[in-house]
């Protein structure tokens, strides 16, 4: 393994093609699923409404791009409510605790209640309580408060001794993660492999003018370079979907639950793996400006429906 003291930019500058190729390269780490033979193309999500009773929204690329709400998204959610549909959010954004996540969506103009918002961080926190780990080192923003988690934890900064002292690693956010952080982490793990829990499996997220690089990228690079398997919570992995299913009757028909997202390898694959119907939104997220059919055909990950925007 080659590690460098050159602390330049760590993350790749992903575009649609390179992000898609990365997801395909790690396909073996992702859940398996069955898919329809071909997707049905609809003009919008309300056309799907007769076929489903529960609508579960991804956030980035579906409801918002970066800090900007997508035009018409709040109106669509309101229309589904008026039709008697249940609505939820599943987001892989793990930086914020639950109260701040609620506030974030309210500031974007959405009226989701706390019980309707499910985050990958919630799924990871549930799993943390089952682990016999003395001290967690947390990848997050500088304003992270250890008291926000119910386990003994510390923020990972630039002190290599801290990395060596922790008993496991929790990845919440790469927003302020640097090449120096990564170099220290890799050296520490190379000396002493320890458990890694990833609360955001995304490789990228769509911002207004570019894609951000997310904790899933770091986790897969660790596996590729050091052979350390990571534990993922968030789409496409089951624990976050199970949190939504727990809110529904035990015998609820899963095909009447609809997962709406902008990526094939997280939203569509994850929803299909649970037996849900799926919608791929083509115009605002990973595939904006591209022919999604090319990626659907190449990957074999086929959504139930494709809409340009909700």
Foldseek 3Di string as FASTA:
>chain_A
DDFDPPFDFDDDFDALVVQLVVLVVCVVVADFFDDDPAAAADAECVVCLVQAQEEEEEPFQAQAAALEGDPPRQVVVVVSVVVVGHYAYEYLQQADQLVVVCVSVVVNPHDDDSLRYFYLNVLVLVVVVVDPWQEEEEDYDPPDDCVSGPHHYDYQDQDLVVLLPGQEYEYNWCPPPTSSSLSSNLVSCLVPNHAYEYSHLRQWGGHPPGIDGTPNVSQVVCCVPPVHHYHYGGFLDASRVVSVVVVDDPPDQQQNYEFEEADLRGGQRSSRRVVYAYEHAQCGISNNPHDVVVSCVVSVRHGNYYHPHD
